[in-house]
Amino acid sequence: MNCSRTLARLILRTTANV
């Protein structure tokens, strides 16, 4: 289970959207 990795990816995507 790579929840941490998935979360990091989501955060990165949100940051890129800014």
Protein backbone atom coordinates (compact mmCIF):
# COMPACT_ATOMS: atom_id res chain seq x y z
CA MET A 1 0.00 0.00 0.00
CA ASN A 2 1.66 3.22 -1.16
CA CYS A 3 -0.79 5.71 0.34
CA SER A 4 2.06 8.11 1.06
CA ARG A 5 3.18 8.04 -2.56
CA THR A 6 -0.34 8.49 -3.88
CA LEU A 7 -0.88 11.41 -1.53
CA ALA A 8 2.38 13.03 -2.56
CA ARG A 9 1.35 12.71 -6.21
CA LEU A 10 -2.01 14.30 -5.55
CA ILE A 11 -0.40 17.18 -3.67
CA LEU A 12 2.10 17.69 -6.46
CA ARG A 13 -0.71 17.79 -9.00
CA THR A 14 -2.65 20.33 -6.94
CA THR A 15 0.44 22.48 -6.55
CA ALA A 16 1.07 22.35 -10.29
CA ASN A 17 -2.49 23.52 -10.89
CA VAL A 18 -1.80 26.72 -8.94
